Amino acid sequence: MSDQTPAPGAQPLLQPVRLGALDLPNRVVMAPMTRARADNEELAPTALHATYYSQRAGAGLIVSEGTWVSTDAIGFVNVPGLYTDAQTAGWAKVTEAVHSAGGRIVSQLGHVGAVSHPDYHGGRLPAGPSAVNPHEMSFTPEGPKDTVTPRALSASEIAATIGAYRQAATNALRAGFDGLEIHAQVSHLVAQFLNPRLNRRTDAYGGSGEKRARFLLDILDAVSGVWGSDRVAVKLSPYWRHEPAFTADDEQLAEYDQLLKRLGDSGLAYLHLLGPEPGGASDDTLAAFSRYRAHYRGAIVANLGFTRASGNDLLERGLADAVSFGAPFIANPDLVDRFTHGHPLATGDRDTYFASGVKGPEGIHGLPGGERVVGLFIRLGRRRQAGTETSRPSSSNRNFPRIHERSITVP
C-alpha cells in the first residue's frame, strides 16, 4: 500500500499520496489514452501533444499514451515512439510543458507483438511468443484487418526486445519523464506472454505460469536498472475478456494472483490495475479490487469506468491508493478542480473527440460544465465483440478503430 491513507472526512481523491518515489498532490491519475496524433514520418510528439498534456497537469499523475519501444513494436496508426532522438526530443518538450504547469508525467512503454500486421513491417510477419493467431483486429494504414499467424520470437529476439525496453527507458529519462509504466494489459505483447493460449513455448519463457511471467519480470529488471524500481510501474488487465484468446477464466485469474504476489517483492511505484468491464460477465468491481489487494501488498492505481463517487468509495474502502480516469479528462482538462468544487462534468462531444484535423485551440471555455475540447483527436471506429452493436468509422476516417470510452488505452 501507499505511504499515506486518506484523511477522515476529506474527499479521498483529493488527498496527497506517495507512490514509490512519486509524490502526488492528489489521487486523480490521468489514464493512458492513445490519440493517434503523431502524424509525421518520425512518429514524434508535436506541439499539440505538449499543449494537450500540460492542460491536464492538475492530475496527481499523468500516464502518457503508450509509446513504441522499437519499430517492431508498432501496430497502430500515428502513435508516437520513444526509440529515436527525434522522438525523445519531442517528448522532452512535452515533459517540460507539464512540469512548467506543475504536473508530473510518466511514460508508458508498449509493444503490440502478435496483434500487429505485415503492413507495418514491409510484409514481414509480426512476432509473438508463439506462432498462434490471437484473432484480434489490427488497425493498419489501409484500415482494419484481421491479425495473421505470427512467427514465434527466438531467444535472441526476446533478448533484443528486452534491450529495446531498456533503451526506451533510457530515452524516457533523457526526455525528463518522472517515471515509467510498462504496458502489460489487454491483448499486447506482455499480455500475450502471460496467456497460455498464445504462449506455447517450452523454453524459459513458457510452459508454466511462472515461466510465462519471466518476460515481464525481465523487462522490469532491465528498466529498473535505468530508473530504480520505485519509479517503475506496470499496468495489467486480469479481467480483460476478448475471445477466443482472452477469457479471464478461473485458471488465468489464479495465475494473475501469483503474478501479483511476485510483483509485490519488486519494489514498484505502483500497479495500475483494470477492473472488470462494467456490465460484463464479471462486473463486481469491489470483489475484483479486494482480490487484487489480497495478493499485492504495494500501491494500487485502479482503472476502468470510475466516477468521482465510485473512486472515492474505492479509496475509502482501502482497496486502492489512487484512481485513474480516461474519458472524463477529454472534455474536462480541469477534472481535479471540478472534483474539488463539485462542478458537473462537461459532456464530451464525440464528434470532436476524434476529429481528423485541428479545428481550433483546445482547452477550457467556462464553468460550470461549459468547456469544450476541439480539434484534438482522430475519429476512430471499432468492431465490437460478437453479439454487440457494430460501429463504423466516419466516412472521412475509415482507417481507425473506435476506442471504448471507458478504456481508451491502446496501446
Protein backbone atom coordinates (compact mmCIF):
# COMPACT_ATOMS: atom_id res chain seq x y z
CA MET A 1 0.00 0.00 0.00
CA SER A 2 0.99 3.64 -0.29
CA ASP A 3 2.64 5.62 2.49
CA GLN A 4 -0.46 7.68 3.32
CA THR A 5 -4.10 6.91 3.95
CA PRO A 6 -6.83 9.46 3.13
CA ALA A 7 -7.71 11.84 5.96
CA PRO A 8 -11.05 11.10 7.67
CA GLY A 9 -13.90 13.26 6.36
CA ALA A 10 -11.95 14.57 3.40
CA GLN A 11 -12.59 13.63 -0.22
CA PRO A 12 -10.07 10.79 -0.66
CA LEU A 13 -9.40 11.57 -4.31
CA LEU A 14 -8.08 14.99 -3.34
CA GLN A 15 -5.62 13.81 -0.68
CA PRO A 16 -1.87 13.55 -1.35
CA VAL A 17 -0.22 10.17 -1.72
CA ARG A 18 3.27 8.81 -2.23
CA LEU A 19 3.61 6.02 -4.79
CA GLY A 20 7.14 4.71 -4.60
CA ALA A 21 9.35 7.73 -5.25
CA LEU A 22 6.45 9.69 -6.78
CA ASP A 23 4.80 12.34 -4.57
CA LEU A 24 1.30 13.14 -5.84
CA PRO A 25 -0.72 16.14 -4.59
CA ASN A 26 -3.94 14.21 -5.24
CA ARG A 27 -5.03 10.69 -6.14
CA VAL A 28 -6.60 11.51 -9.51
CA VAL A 29 -4.46 9.89 -12.21
CA MET A 30 -4.88 10.56 -15.91
CA ALA A 31 -5.02 7.18 -17.63
CA PRO A 32 -3.02 6.49 -20.80
CA MET A 33 -5.11 7.29 -23.88
CA THR A 34 -3.91 6.80 -27.42
CA ARG A 35 -4.98 9.73 -29.54
CA ALA A 36 -3.12 8.85 -32.77
CA ARG A 37 -1.83 12.39 -33.28
CA ALA A 38 1.81 11.77 -34.20
CA ASP A 39 1.00 12.41 -37.84
CA ASN A 40 4.58 12.72 -39.06
CA GLU A 41 7.19 10.46 -40.58
CA GLU A 42 9.25 10.37 -37.37
CA LEU A 43 6.26 9.31 -35.19
CA ALA A 44 7.41 12.07 -32.83
CA PRO A 45 5.23 14.07 -30.42
CA THR A 46 4.29 17.55 -31.63
CA ALA A 47 3.39 20.89 -30.07
CA LEU A 48 -0.19 19.61 -29.88
CA HIS A 49 0.95 16.85 -27.51
CA ALA A 50 2.66 19.37 -25.25
CA THR A 51 -0.47 21.54 -25.13
CA TYR A 52 -2.75 18.58 -24.51
CA TYR A 53 -0.76 17.12 -21.62
CA SER A 54 0.12 20.42 -19.96
CA GLN A 55 -3.56 21.41 -19.84
CA ARG A 56 -4.16 18.31 -17.71
CA ALA A 57 -1.26 18.90 -15.32
CA GLY A 58 -3.69 19.25 -12.41
CA ALA A 59 -3.86 15.45 -12.29
CA GLY A 60 -1.89 13.93 -9.44
CA LEU A 61 -0.07 11.97 -12.15
CA ILE A 62 -0.33 11.78 -15.93
CA VAL A 63 0.42 8.49 -17.65
CA SER A 64 1.36 9.14 -21.26
CA GLU A 65 -0.24 7.39 -24.17
CA GLY A 66 1.50 4.11 -24.90
CA THR A 67 4.72 4.68 -26.85
CA TRP A 68 6.53 2.23 -29.09
CA VAL A 69 9.85 0.86 -27.87
CA SER A 70 11.01 -0.03 -31.40
CA THR A 71 9.81 -0.25 -34.99
CA ASP A 72 8.94 -3.91 -34.38
CA ALA A 73 6.54 -2.77 -31.63
CA ILE A 74 4.34 -0.72 -33.99
CA GLY A 75 0.77 -1.83 -34.57
CA PHE A 76 -1.41 1.27 -34.70
CA VAL A 77 -1.57 4.41 -36.81
CA ASN A 78 0.16 7.67 -35.80
CA VAL A 79 1.20 6.60 -32.32
CA PRO A 80 4.48 8.15 -31.12
CA GLY A 81 7.57 6.17 -30.22
CA LEU A 82 10.47 6.59 -27.84
CA TYR A 83 13.28 4.87 -29.73
CA THR A 84 14.85 7.73 -31.73
CA ASP A 85 16.47 11.04 -30.90
CA ALA A 86 13.69 12.95 -32.67
CA GLN A 87 11.03 11.20 -30.61
CA THR A 88 12.98 11.76 -27.41
CA ALA A 89 13.31 15.46 -28.22
CA GLY A 90 9.58 15.68 -28.88
CA TRP A 91 8.76 14.08 -25.55
CA ALA A 92 11.23 16.42 -23.80
CA LYS A 93 9.06 19.35 -24.91
CA VAL A 94 6.01 17.56 -23.52
CA THR A 95 7.55 16.90 -20.11
CA GLU A 96 8.88 20.47 -19.94
CA ALA A 97 5.38 21.81 -20.58
CA VAL A 98 3.83 19.52 -17.96
CA HIS A 99 6.46 20.37 -15.34
CA SER A 100 6.11 24.09 -16.06
CA ALA A 101 2.40 23.71 -15.35
CA GLY A 102 3.17 21.99 -12.03
CA GLY A 103 2.44 18.44 -13.12
CA ARG A 104 4.05 15.02 -13.10
CA ILE A 105 4.15 12.59 -16.03
CA VAL A 106 5.36 9.03 -16.55
CA SER A 107 5.92 7.33 -19.89
CA GLN A 108 4.02 4.19 -20.77
CA LEU A 109 6.15 1.85 -22.90
CA GLY A 110 4.41 -0.63 -25.18
CA HIS A 111 4.73 -3.30 -27.89
CA VAL A 112 1.74 -4.88 -29.67
CA GLY A 113 3.51 -8.12 -30.63
CA ALA A 114 1.25 -10.53 -32.50
CA VAL A 115 -1.60 -8.04 -32.91
CA SER A 116 0.49 -6.05 -35.35
CA HIS A 117 0.30 -6.72 -39.09
CA PRO A 118 2.72 -7.31 -42.02
CA ASP A 119 1.63 -3.92 -43.39
CA TYR A 120 3.73 -2.29 -40.64
CA HIS A 121 6.80 -4.42 -41.28
CA GLY A 122 7.41 -4.37 -45.00
CA GLY A 123 5.50 -7.62 -45.48
CA ARG A 124 7.29 -9.47 -42.68
CA LEU A 125 5.18 -11.34 -40.19
CA PRO A 126 4.81 -9.72 -36.78
CA ALA A 127 6.21 -11.72 -33.88
CA GLY A 128 4.65 -13.05 -30.71
CA PRO A 129 5.52 -15.56 -28.02
CA SER A 130 4.36 -18.42 -30.27
CA ALA A 131 3.06 -18.94 -33.80
CA VAL A 132 -0.57 -18.63 -32.71
CA ASN A 133 -3.03 -16.21 -34.27
CA PRO A 134 -4.61 -14.08 -31.49
CA HIS A 135 -7.67 -13.46 -33.71
CA GLU A 136 -7.74 -9.76 -32.92
CA MET A 137 -8.19 -6.76 -35.20
CA SER A 138 -5.09 -4.94 -36.42
CA PHE A 139 -5.53 -1.29 -37.40
CA THR A 140 -3.30 -0.65 -40.37
CA PRO A 141 -2.72 2.42 -42.54
CA GLU A 142 -5.14 0.84 -45.03
CA GLY A 143 -7.83 0.16 -42.44
CA PRO A 144 -8.81 -2.62 -40.01
CA LYS A 145 -7.51 -6.06 -40.94
CA ASP A 146 -7.64 -9.43 -39.20
CA THR A 147 -4.47 -10.47 -37.46
CA VAL A 148 -2.38 -13.20 -39.02
CA THR A 149 -0.47 -16.12 -37.55
CA PRO A 150 2.73 -14.53 -36.26
CA ARG A 151 6.17 -16.02 -36.11
CA ALA A 152 7.50 -17.03 -32.71
CA LEU A 153 10.17 -14.81 -31.22
CA SER A 154 13.54 -16.52 -30.99
CA ALA A 155 15.55 -16.42 -27.79
CA SER A 156 17.85 -13.80 -29.29
CA GLU A 157 14.88 -11.71 -30.40
CA ILE A 158 13.43 -11.83 -26.88
CA ALA A 159 16.76 -10.54 -25.56
CA ALA A 160 16.75 -7.80 -28.20
CA THR A 161 13.17 -6.82 -27.30
CA ILE A 162 14.08 -6.54 -23.63
CA GLY A 163 17.03 -4.43 -24.75
CA ALA A 164 14.63 -2.17 -26.67
CA TYR A 165 12.64 -1.59 -23.49
CA ARG A 166 15.87 -0.72 -21.68
CA GLN A 167 16.84 1.78 -24.38
CA ALA A 168 13.37 3.32 -24.39
CA ALA A 169 13.63 3.65 -20.60
CA THR A 170 16.94 5.46 -21.06
CA ASN A 171 15.34 7.75 -23.62
CA ALA A 172 12.46 8.45 -21.23
CA LEU A 173 14.99 9.51 -18.61
CA ARG A 174 16.68 11.80 -21.15
CA ALA A 175 13.28 13.24 -22.08
CA GLY A 176 12.59 14.30 -18.50
CA PHE A 177 9.79 11.93 -17.52
CA ASP A 178 9.20 11.27 -13.82
CA GLY A 179 9.00 7.50 -14.22
CA LEU A 180 7.82 4.62 -16.37
CA GLU A 181 4.78 2.41 -16.73
CA ILE A 182 5.07 -0.90 -18.62
CA HIS A 183 2.07 -1.62 -20.84
CA ALA A 184 1.17 -5.21 -19.95
CA GLN A 185 -2.59 -5.11 -20.43
CA VAL A 186 -5.29 -6.12 -22.92
CA SER A 187 -4.02 -8.06 -25.96
CA HIS A 188 -0.49 -6.69 -26.42
CA LEU A 189 2.87 -8.44 -26.24
CA VAL A 190 3.41 -8.77 -22.49
CA ALA A 191 -0.18 -9.97 -22.03
CA GLN A 192 0.40 -12.45 -24.86
CA PHE A 193 3.36 -13.92 -22.98
CA LEU A 194 1.19 -14.23 -19.86
CA ASN A 195 -1.58 -16.03 -21.77
CA PRO A 196 -1.32 -19.85 -22.03
CA ARG A 197 -3.46 -19.85 -25.18
CA LEU A 198 -0.98 -17.63 -27.01
CA ASN A 199 2.24 -18.63 -25.27
CA ARG A 200 3.01 -22.28 -26.06
CA ARG A 201 6.74 -22.02 -25.60
CA THR A 202 8.68 -24.81 -23.90
CA ASP A 203 11.78 -22.78 -23.05
CA ALA A 204 12.47 -20.42 -20.14
CA TYR A 205 9.60 -18.14 -21.24
CA GLY A 206 6.75 -20.67 -21.35
CA GLY A 207 5.29 -23.91 -20.07
CA SER A 208 4.11 -22.69 -16.66
CA GLY A 209 2.64 -19.55 -15.16
CA GLU A 210 5.96 -18.77 -13.52
CA LYS A 211 7.85 -19.06 -16.80
CA ARG A 212 5.22 -17.13 -18.77
CA ALA A 213 5.74 -14.24 -16.35
CA ARG A 214 9.51 -14.18 -16.92
CA PHE A 215 9.29 -11.88 -19.96
CA LEU A 216 7.58 -9.17 -17.91
CA LEU A 217 9.94 -9.67 -14.97
CA ASP A 218 12.99 -9.45 -17.23
CA ILE A 219 11.66 -6.20 -18.71
CA LEU A 220 11.16 -4.82 -15.21
CA ASP A 221 14.71 -5.76 -14.25
CA ALA A 222 16.01 -4.03 -17.39
CA VAL A 223 14.14 -0.74 -16.96
CA SER A 224 14.61 -0.68 -13.18
CA GLY A 225 18.33 -0.75 -13.83
CA VAL A 226 17.87 2.62 -15.52
CA TRP A 227 15.29 4.21 -13.22
CA GLY A 228 15.20 2.33 -9.94
CA SER A 229 12.14 0.18 -9.25
CA ASP A 230 10.41 2.87 -7.18
CA ARG A 231 9.82 4.93 -10.35
CA VAL A 232 8.60 1.97 -12.41
CA ALA A 233 5.02 0.69 -12.63
CA VAL A 234 3.06 -1.95 -14.56
CA LYS A 235 -0.44 -1.86 -15.99
CA LEU A 236 -2.27 -5.21 -16.02
CA SER A 237 -5.78 -6.33 -17.00
CA PRO A 238 -6.51 -9.72 -15.41
CA TYR A 239 -10.27 -9.45 -16.12
CA TRP A 240 -9.87 -8.44 -19.77
CA ARG A 241 -12.19 -10.55 -21.95
CA HIS A 242 -11.82 -10.75 -25.71
CA GLU A 243 -12.36 -14.24 -27.02
CA PRO A 244 -11.04 -16.57 -28.14
CA ALA A 245 -7.68 -15.85 -26.52
CA PHE A 246 -8.56 -13.67 -23.53
CA THR A 247 -11.25 -15.25 -21.36
CA ALA A 248 -10.41 -14.23 -17.76
CA ASP A 249 -11.26 -17.75 -16.62
CA ASP A 250 -10.53 -19.10 -13.15
CA GLU A 251 -7.19 -20.62 -14.19
CA GLN A 252 -5.97 -17.40 -15.75
CA LEU A 253 -7.10 -15.31 -12.78
CA ALA A 254 -5.28 -17.67 -10.43
CA GLU A 255 -2.08 -17.16 -12.43
CA TYR A 256 -2.52 -13.39 -12.10
CA ASP A 257 -2.93 -13.86 -8.34
CA GLN A 258 0.51 -15.45 -8.24
CA LEU A 259 1.97 -12.77 -10.51
CA LEU A 260 0.70 -10.04 -8.20
CA LYS A 261 2.35 -11.78 -5.26
CA ARG A 262 5.66 -11.91 -7.14
CA LEU A 263 5.40 -8.26 -8.16
CA GLY A 264 4.86 -7.37 -4.52
CA ASP A 265 8.53 -8.17 -3.97
CA SER A 266 9.68 -5.89 -6.81
CA GLY A 267 9.50 -2.55 -5.00
CA LEU A 268 7.45 -0.95 -7.79
CA ALA A 269 5.98 2.53 -7.58
CA TYR A 270 2.51 1.06 -8.15
CA LEU A 271 0.44 -1.45 -10.08
CA HIS A 272 -2.13 0.05 -12.46
CA LEU A 273 -4.96 -2.49 -12.50
CA LEU A 274 -8.06 -2.65 -14.68
CA GLY A 275 -11.25 -3.86 -13.06
CA PRO A 276 -13.91 -5.93 -14.81
CA GLU A 277 -15.73 -4.36 -17.73
CA PRO A 278 -18.82 -2.57 -16.37
CA GLY A 279 -21.88 -4.56 -17.39
CA GLY A 280 -19.79 -7.54 -18.41
CA ALA A 281 -20.00 -11.17 -17.37
CA SER A 282 -18.00 -10.46 -14.21
CA ASP A 283 -18.53 -6.85 -13.23
CA ASP A 284 -18.12 -6.92 -9.44
CA THR A 285 -15.56 -4.15 -9.15
CA LEU A 286 -15.28 -4.28 -5.36
CA ALA A 287 -14.69 -8.03 -5.42
CA ALA A 288 -12.01 -7.66 -8.09
CA PHE A 289 -10.09 -4.97 -6.22
CA SER A 290 -10.48 -6.88 -2.95
CA ARG A 291 -8.83 -9.78 -4.74
CA TYR A 292 -6.04 -7.56 -6.02
CA ARG A 293 -5.44 -6.11 -2.57
CA ALA A 294 -5.27 -9.58 -1.04
CA HIS A 295 -2.45 -10.61 -3.38
CA TYR A 296 -0.50 -7.40 -3.95
CA ARG A 297 0.99 -5.58 -1.00
CA GLY A 298 2.15 -2.47 -2.83
CA ALA A 299 0.31 0.62 -4.09
CA ILE A 300 -2.61 0.12 -6.49
CA VAL A 301 -3.98 2.56 -9.06
CA ALA A 302 -7.50 1.48 -10.06
CA ASN A 303 -8.83 1.89 -13.59
CA LEU A 304 -11.93 1.37 -15.73
CA GLY A 305 -15.16 3.31 -15.60
CA PHE A 306 -14.84 5.09 -12.24
CA THR A 307 -16.71 8.26 -11.31
CA ARG A 308 -15.89 10.71 -8.55
CA ALA A 309 -18.30 8.88 -6.22
CA SER A 310 -17.15 5.35 -7.02
CA GLY A 311 -13.49 6.40 -6.97
CA ASN A 312 -13.85 7.98 -3.54
CA ASP A 313 -15.69 4.90 -2.31
CA LEU A 314 -12.95 2.56 -3.50
CA LEU A 315 -10.30 4.65 -1.74
CA GLU A 316 -12.36 4.87 1.46
CA ARG A 317 -12.56 1.07 1.49
CA GLY A 318 -8.78 0.86 1.22
CA LEU A 319 -8.95 -1.16 -2.00
CA ALA A 320 -6.75 1.23 -3.99
CA ASP A 321 -4.37 4.13 -3.38
CA ALA A 322 -5.31 6.22 -6.42
CA VAL A 323 -7.84 6.05 -9.26
CA SER A 324 -7.20 6.72 -12.95
CA PHE A 325 -9.69 8.39 -15.26
CA GLY A 326 -9.60 8.31 -19.05
CA ALA A 327 -12.60 9.66 -20.94
CA PRO A 328 -13.53 12.28 -18.29
CA PHE A 329 -10.20 14.03 -18.91
CA ILE A 330 -11.01 14.53 -22.58
CA ALA A 331 -13.73 17.15 -22.11
CA ASN A 332 -12.57 18.16 -18.63
CA PRO A 333 -8.91 19.15 -18.61
CA ASP A 334 -9.61 20.66 -15.17
CA LEU A 335 -11.07 17.41 -13.82
CA VAL A 336 -9.41 17.76 -10.41
CA ASP A 337 -10.84 21.27 -9.94
CA ARG A 338 -14.28 20.01 -10.87
CA PHE A 339 -13.99 17.22 -8.31
CA THR A 340 -12.77 19.76 -5.75
CA HIS A 341 -15.58 22.27 -6.18
CA GLY A 342 -18.38 19.88 -7.06
CA HIS A 343 -18.88 21.29 -10.55
CA PRO A 344 -20.65 18.99 -13.00
CA LEU A 345 -18.52 17.37 -15.66
CA ALA A 346 -18.69 18.64 -19.21
CA THR A 347 -20.20 16.13 -21.58
CA GLY A 348 -17.79 15.30 -24.34
CA ASP A 349 -18.83 15.79 -27.93
CA ARG A 350 -17.80 12.55 -29.62
CA ASP A 351 -17.70 14.31 -32.99
CA THR A 352 -14.78 16.38 -31.68
CA TYR A 353 -13.08 13.57 -29.73
CA PHE A 354 -11.60 12.10 -32.86
CA ALA A 355 -11.69 14.91 -35.42
CA SER A 356 -9.34 14.36 -38.35
CA GLY A 357 -7.82 17.82 -38.20
CA VAL A 358 -7.19 20.64 -35.77
CA LYS A 359 -10.17 22.97 -35.97
CA GLY A 360 -9.16 25.44 -33.30
CA PRO A 361 -7.48 25.80 -29.93
CA GLU A 362 -8.37 23.17 -27.39
CA GLY A 363 -8.96 23.94 -23.78
CA ILE A 364 -11.27 25.34 -21.15
CA HIS A 365 -14.13 27.65 -22.06
CA GLY A 366 -16.07 28.49 -18.92
CA LEU A 367 -17.50 26.89 -15.77
CA PRO A 368 -19.52 25.06 -14.77
CA GLY A 369 -19.98 22.48 -17.49
CA GLY A 370 -19.34 24.86 -20.34
CA GLU A 371 -15.97 23.81 -21.58
CA ARG A 372 -15.19 22.09 -24.80
CA VAL A 373 -12.14 20.40 -26.23
CA VAL A 374 -11.95 20.73 -30.00
CA GLY A 375 -9.72 19.73 -32.85
CA LEU A 376 -7.71 17.21 -30.88
CA PHE A 377 -8.38 13.67 -31.95
CA ILE A 378 -8.73 11.40 -34.94
CA ARG A 379 -12.15 9.85 -35.24
CA LEU A 380 -11.94 6.15 -34.64
CA GLY A 381 -14.28 3.25 -35.36
CA ARG A 382 -14.19 -0.15 -33.76
CA ARG A 383 -15.58 -3.58 -34.47
CA ARG A 384 -17.37 -4.62 -31.29
CA GLN A 385 -17.27 -8.12 -29.83
CA ALA A 386 -19.58 -10.72 -31.29
CA GLY A 387 -23.20 -10.25 -30.28
CA THR A 388 -22.99 -6.50 -29.79
CA GLU A 389 -23.57 -3.50 -31.98
CA THR A 390 -21.05 -2.85 -34.72
CA SER A 391 -19.77 0.70 -35.03
CA ARG A 392 -18.30 2.04 -38.23
CA PRO A 393 -15.85 4.89 -38.61
CA SER A 394 -16.95 8.14 -40.15
CA SER A 395 -16.58 8.39 -43.90
CA SER A 396 -13.58 10.69 -43.61
CA ASN A 397 -11.63 8.42 -41.26
CA ARG A 398 -12.35 4.83 -42.23
CA ASN A 399 -8.92 3.58 -41.24
CA PHE A 400 -9.21 3.96 -37.48
CA PRO A 401 -10.82 1.94 -34.67
CA ARG A 402 -13.38 3.40 -32.27
CA ILE A 403 -11.94 3.05 -28.80
CA HIS A 404 -14.14 2.07 -25.88
CA GLU A 405 -14.98 5.17 -23.90
CA ARG A 406 -14.00 3.69 -20.56
CA SER A 407 -10.70 2.15 -21.59
CA ILE A 408 -9.01 4.39 -24.09
CA THR A 409 -5.70 2.65 -23.55
CA VAL A 410 -4.34 1.50 -26.89
CA PRO A 411 -1.55 0.73 -26.67
